[in-house]
């Protein structure tokens, strides 16, 4: 930052020689333009870095969400397969149990089946 002494010296040198003051003003203007260009370039570089960082973060988030979706899908499929297998095994066990009971007591099974048939026939007739 310029001190009061620097400002007074600059003011005295500007008042002293018109041509020299003009040259100093042009030099100062050129330096300010250079500084402005440097600031502009720095801001553009920072903007580019921020843009790249945000794009990288977006790609990371997208990949993470896709991975989570894939894992969830695999978990649901595995659970669905497991439930299907358990249900299939339960039906097979029920079938085996019914078959074993029919073989042990064929007359009782025939009477139960006939009773169910009569009951369904009566219900059918009512509707």
C-alpha atoms as a PDB file:
ATOM      1  CA  UNK A   1       0.000   0.000   0.000  1.00  0.00           C
ATOM      2  CA  UNK A   2       1.313   3.436  -0.874  1.00  0.00           C
ATOM      3  CA  UNK A   3       2.379   5.669   1.991  1.00  0.00           C
ATOM      4  CA  UNK A   4       1.660   9.374   2.227  1.00  0.00           C
ATOM      5  CA  UNK A   5       5.304  10.074   1.367  1.00  0.00           C
ATOM      6  CA  UNK A   6       5.019   8.009  -1.865  1.00  0.00           C
ATOM      7  CA  UNK A   7       1.853   9.854  -2.866  1.00  0.00           C
ATOM      8  CA  UNK A   8       3.497  13.245  -2.280  1.00  0.00           C
ATOM      9  CA  UNK A   9       6.564  12.211  -4.301  1.00  0.00           C
ATOM     10  CA  UNK A  10       4.344  10.968  -7.136  1.00  0.00           C
ATOM     11  CA  UNK A  11       2.351  14.213  -7.037  1.00  0.00           C
ATOM     12  CA  UNK A  12       5.535  16.318  -7.162  1.00  0.00           C
ATOM     13  CA  UNK A  13       6.996  14.291 -10.007  1.00  0.00           C
ATOM     14  CA  UNK A  14       3.761  14.611 -12.020  1.00  0.00           C
ATOM     15  CA  UNK A  15       3.737  18.384 -11.551  1.00  0.00           C
ATOM     16  CA  UNK A  16       7.422  18.693 -12.345  1.00  0.00           C
ATOM     17  CA  UNK A  17       7.726  17.587 -15.937  1.00  0.00           C
ATOM     18  CA  UNK A  18       4.746  17.211 -18.252  1.00  0.00           C
ATOM     19  CA  UNK A  19       6.429  14.810 -20.747  1.00  0.00           C
ATOM     20  CA  UNK A  20       7.900  12.737 -17.968  1.00  0.00           C
ATOM     21  CA  UNK A  21       4.511  12.668 -16.233  1.00  0.00           C
ATOM     22  CA  UNK A  22       2.876  11.503 -19.431  1.00  0.00           C
ATOM     23  CA  UNK A  23       5.404   8.662 -19.776  1.00  0.00           C
ATOM     24  CA  UNK A  24       4.872   7.651 -16.148  1.00  0.00           C
ATOM     25  CA  UNK A  25       1.110   7.663 -16.632  1.00  0.00           C
ATOM     26  CA  UNK A  26       1.440   5.459 -19.720  1.00  0.00           C
ATOM     27  CA  UNK A  27       3.758   3.091 -17.858  1.00  0.00           C
ATOM     28  CA  UNK A  28       1.350   2.995 -14.937  1.00  0.00           C
ATOM     29  CA  UNK A  29      -1.565   2.341 -17.299  1.00  0.00           C
ATOM     30  CA  UNK A  30       0.341  -0.482 -19.003  1.00  0.00           C
ATOM     31  CA  UNK A  31       1.180  -2.004 -15.608  1.00  0.00           C
ATOM     32  CA  UNK A  32      -2.476  -1.816 -14.586  1.00  0.00           C
ATOM     33  CA  UNK A  33      -3.523  -3.522 -17.833  1.00  0.00           C
ATOM     34  CA  UNK A  34      -0.973  -6.287 -17.212  1.00  0.00           C
ATOM     35  CA  UNK A  35      -2.240  -6.733 -13.663  1.00  0.00           C
ATOM     36  CA  UNK A  36      -5.809  -6.831 -14.930  1.00  0.00           C
ATOM     37  CA  UNK A  37      -4.878  -9.492 -17.471  1.00  0.00           C
ATOM     38  CA  UNK A  38      -3.142 -11.521 -14.769  1.00  0.00           C
ATOM     39  CA  UNK A  39      -6.168 -11.255 -12.478  1.00  0.00           C
ATOM     40  CA  UNK A  40      -8.467 -12.277 -15.345  1.00  0.00           C
ATOM     41  CA  UNK A  41      -6.271 -15.284 -16.160  1.00  0.00           C
ATOM     42  CA  UNK A  42      -6.130 -16.318 -12.497  1.00  0.00           C
ATOM     43  CA  UNK A  43      -9.911 -16.081 -12.158  1.00  0.00           C
ATOM     44  CA  UNK A  44     -10.368 -18.127 -15.343  1.00  0.00           C
ATOM     45  CA  UNK A  45      -7.963 -20.786 -14.049  1.00  0.00           C
ATOM     46  CA  UNK A  46      -9.772 -20.969 -10.721  1.00  0.00           C
ATOM     47  CA  UNK A  47     -13.104 -21.199 -12.549  1.00  0.00           C
ATOM     48  CA  UNK A  48     -11.791 -24.044 -14.690  1.00  0.00           C
ATOM     49  CA  UNK A  49     -10.512 -25.877 -11.613  1.00  0.00           C
ATOM     50  CA  UNK A  50     -13.854 -25.457  -9.835  1.00  0.00           C
ATOM     51  CA  UNK A  51     -15.718 -26.708 -12.919  1.00  0.00           C
ATOM     52  CA  UNK A  52     -13.474 -29.774 -13.190  1.00  0.00           C
ATOM     53  CA  UNK A  53     -13.829 -30.501  -9.465  1.00  0.00           C
ATOM     54  CA  UNK A  54     -17.627 -30.281  -9.647  1.00  0.00           C
ATOM     55  CA  UNK A  55     -17.675 -32.543 -12.728  1.00  0.00           C
ATOM     56  CA  UNK A  56     -15.470 -35.081 -10.944  1.00  0.00           C
ATOM     57  CA  UNK A  57     -17.716 -34.990  -7.885  1.00  0.00           C
ATOM     58  CA  UNK A  58     -20.789 -35.453 -10.084  1.00  0.00           C
ATOM     59  CA  UNK A  59     -19.215 -38.466 -11.778  1.00  0.00           C
ATOM     60  CA  UNK A  60     -18.298 -39.927  -8.389  1.00  0.00           C
ATOM     61  CA  UNK A  61     -21.829 -39.442  -7.041  1.00  0.00           C
ATOM     62  CA  UNK A  62     -23.336 -40.954 -10.206  1.00  0.00           C
ATOM     63  CA  UNK A  63     -21.057 -44.011  -9.979  1.00  0.00           C
ATOM     64  CA  UNK A  64     -21.795 -44.422  -6.259  1.00  0.00           C
ATOM     65  CA  UNK A  65     -25.553 -44.263  -6.821  1.00  0.00           C
ATOM     66  CA  UNK A  66     -25.302 -46.752  -9.688  1.00  0.00           C
ATOM     67  CA  UNK A  67     -23.278 -49.118  -7.494  1.00  0.00           C
ATOM     68  CA  UNK A  68     -25.818 -48.802  -4.687  1.00  0.00           C
ATOM     69  CA  UNK A  69     -28.643 -49.497  -7.137  1.00  0.00           C
ATOM     70  CA  UNK A  70     -26.845 -52.558  -8.463  1.00  0.00           C
ATOM     71  CA  UNK A  71     -26.243 -53.842  -4.932  1.00  0.00           C
ATOM     72  CA  UNK A  72     -29.894 -53.278  -4.002  1.00  0.00           C
ATOM     73  CA  UNK A  73     -31.035 -55.086  -7.156  1.00  0.00           C
ATOM     74  CA  UNK A  74     -28.746 -58.024  -6.421  1.00  0.00           C
ATOM     75  CA  UNK A  75     -29.941 -58.169  -2.816  1.00  0.00           C
ATOM     76  CA  UNK A  76     -33.597 -58.143  -3.876  1.00  0.00           C
ATOM     77  CA  UNK A  77     -32.953 -60.801  -6.502  1.00  0.00           C
ATOM     78  CA  UNK A  78     -31.120 -62.982  -3.989  1.00  0.00           C
ATOM     79  CA  UNK A  79     -33.907 -62.529  -1.437  1.00  0.00           C
ATOM     80  CA  UNK A  80     -36.552 -63.231  -4.085  1.00  0.00           C
ATOM     81  CA  UNK A  81     -34.726 -66.352  -5.197  1.00  0.00           C
ATOM     82  CA  UNK A  82     -34.406 -67.494  -1.597  1.00  0.00           C
ATOM     83  CA  UNK A  83     -38.119 -66.904  -0.905  1.00  0.00           C
ATOM     84  CA  UNK A  84     -39.037 -68.716  -4.126  1.00  0.00           C
ATOM     85  CA  UNK A  85     -36.866 -71.677  -3.188  1.00  0.00           C
ATOM     86  CA  UNK A  86     -38.322 -71.803   0.324  1.00  0.00           C
ATOM     87  CA  UNK A  87     -41.865 -71.686  -1.050  1.00  0.00           C
ATOM     88  CA  UNK A  88     -41.107 -74.384  -3.593  1.00  0.00           C
ATOM     89  CA  UNK A  89     -39.594 -76.590  -0.908  1.00  0.00           C
ATOM     90  CA  UNK A  90     -42.622 -76.009   1.358  1.00  0.00           C
ATOM     91  CA  UNK A  91     -45.014 -77.029  -1.432  1.00  0.00           C
ATOM     92  CA  UNK A  92     -42.939 -80.099  -2.169  1.00  0.00           C
ATOM     93  CA  UNK A  93     -42.980 -81.001   1.541  1.00  0.00           C
ATOM     94  CA  UNK A  94     -46.768 -80.491   1.641  1.00  0.00           C
ATOM     95  CA  UNK A  95     -47.156 -82.682  -1.437  1.00  0.00           C
ATOM     96  CA  UNK A  96     -45.001 -85.405   0.127  1.00  0.00           C
ATOM     97  CA  UNK A  97     -46.924 -85.190   3.403  1.00  0.00           C
ATOM     98  CA  UNK A  98     -50.321 -85.409   1.683  1.00  0.00           C
ATOM     99  CA  UNK A  99     -49.165 -88.285  -0.479  1.00  0.00           C
ATOM    100  CA  UNK A 100     -47.844 -90.157   2.573  1.00  0.00           C
ATOM    101  CA  UNK A 101     -51.128 -89.655   4.451  1.00  0.00           C
ATOM    102  CA  UNK A 102     -53.180 -90.837   1.466  1.00  0.00           C
ATOM    103  CA  UNK A 103     -51.025 -93.959   1.182  1.00  0.00           C
ATOM    104  CA  UNK A 104     -51.443 -94.645   4.912  1.00  0.00           C
ATOM    105  CA  UNK A 105     -55.241 -94.109   4.985  1.00  0.00           C
ATOM    106  CA  UNK A 106     -56.690 -94.349   1.467  1.00  0.00           C
ATOM    107  CA  UNK A 107     -60.318 -94.798   2.559  1.00  0.00           C
ATOM    108  CA  UNK A 108     -60.227 -91.759   4.852  1.00  0.00           C
ATOM    109  CA  UNK A 109     -58.642 -89.662   2.068  1.00  0.00           C
ATOM    110  CA  UNK A 110     -61.364 -90.764  -0.360  1.00  0.00           C
ATOM    111  CA  UNK A 111     -64.138 -89.829   2.091  1.00  0.00           C
ATOM    112  CA  UNK A 112     -62.557 -86.388   2.778  1.00  0.00           C
ATOM    113  CA  UNK A 113     -62.220 -85.725  -0.961  1.00  0.00           C
ATOM    114  CA  UNK A 114     -65.857 -86.767  -1.497  1.00  0.00           C
ATOM    115  CA  UNK A 115     -67.018 -84.487   1.334  1.00  0.00           C
ATOM    116  CA  UNK A 116     -65.139 -81.562  -0.131  1.00  0.00           C
ATOM    117  CA  UNK A 117     -66.713 -82.310  -3.525  1.00  0.00           C
ATOM    118  CA  UNK A 118     -70.230 -82.341  -2.068  1.00  0.00           C
ATOM    119  CA  UNK A 119     -69.585 -79.074  -0.195  1.00  0.00           C
ATOM    120  CA  UNK A 120     -68.293 -77.347  -3.323  1.00  0.00           C
ATOM    121  CA  UNK A 121     -71.269 -78.663  -5.297  1.00  0.00           C
ATOM    122  CA  UNK A 122     -73.711 -77.187  -2.787  1.00  0.00           C
ATOM    123  CA  UNK A 123     -71.919 -73.834  -2.814  1.00  0.00           C
ATOM    124  CA  UNK A 124     -71.891 -73.820  -6.594  1.00  0.00           C
ATOM    125  CA  UNK A 125     -75.579 -74.496  -6.767  1.00  0.00           C
ATOM    126  CA  UNK A 126     -76.382 -71.490  -4.525  1.00  0.00           C
ATOM    127  CA  UNK A 127     -74.533 -68.976  -6.668  1.00  0.00           C
END
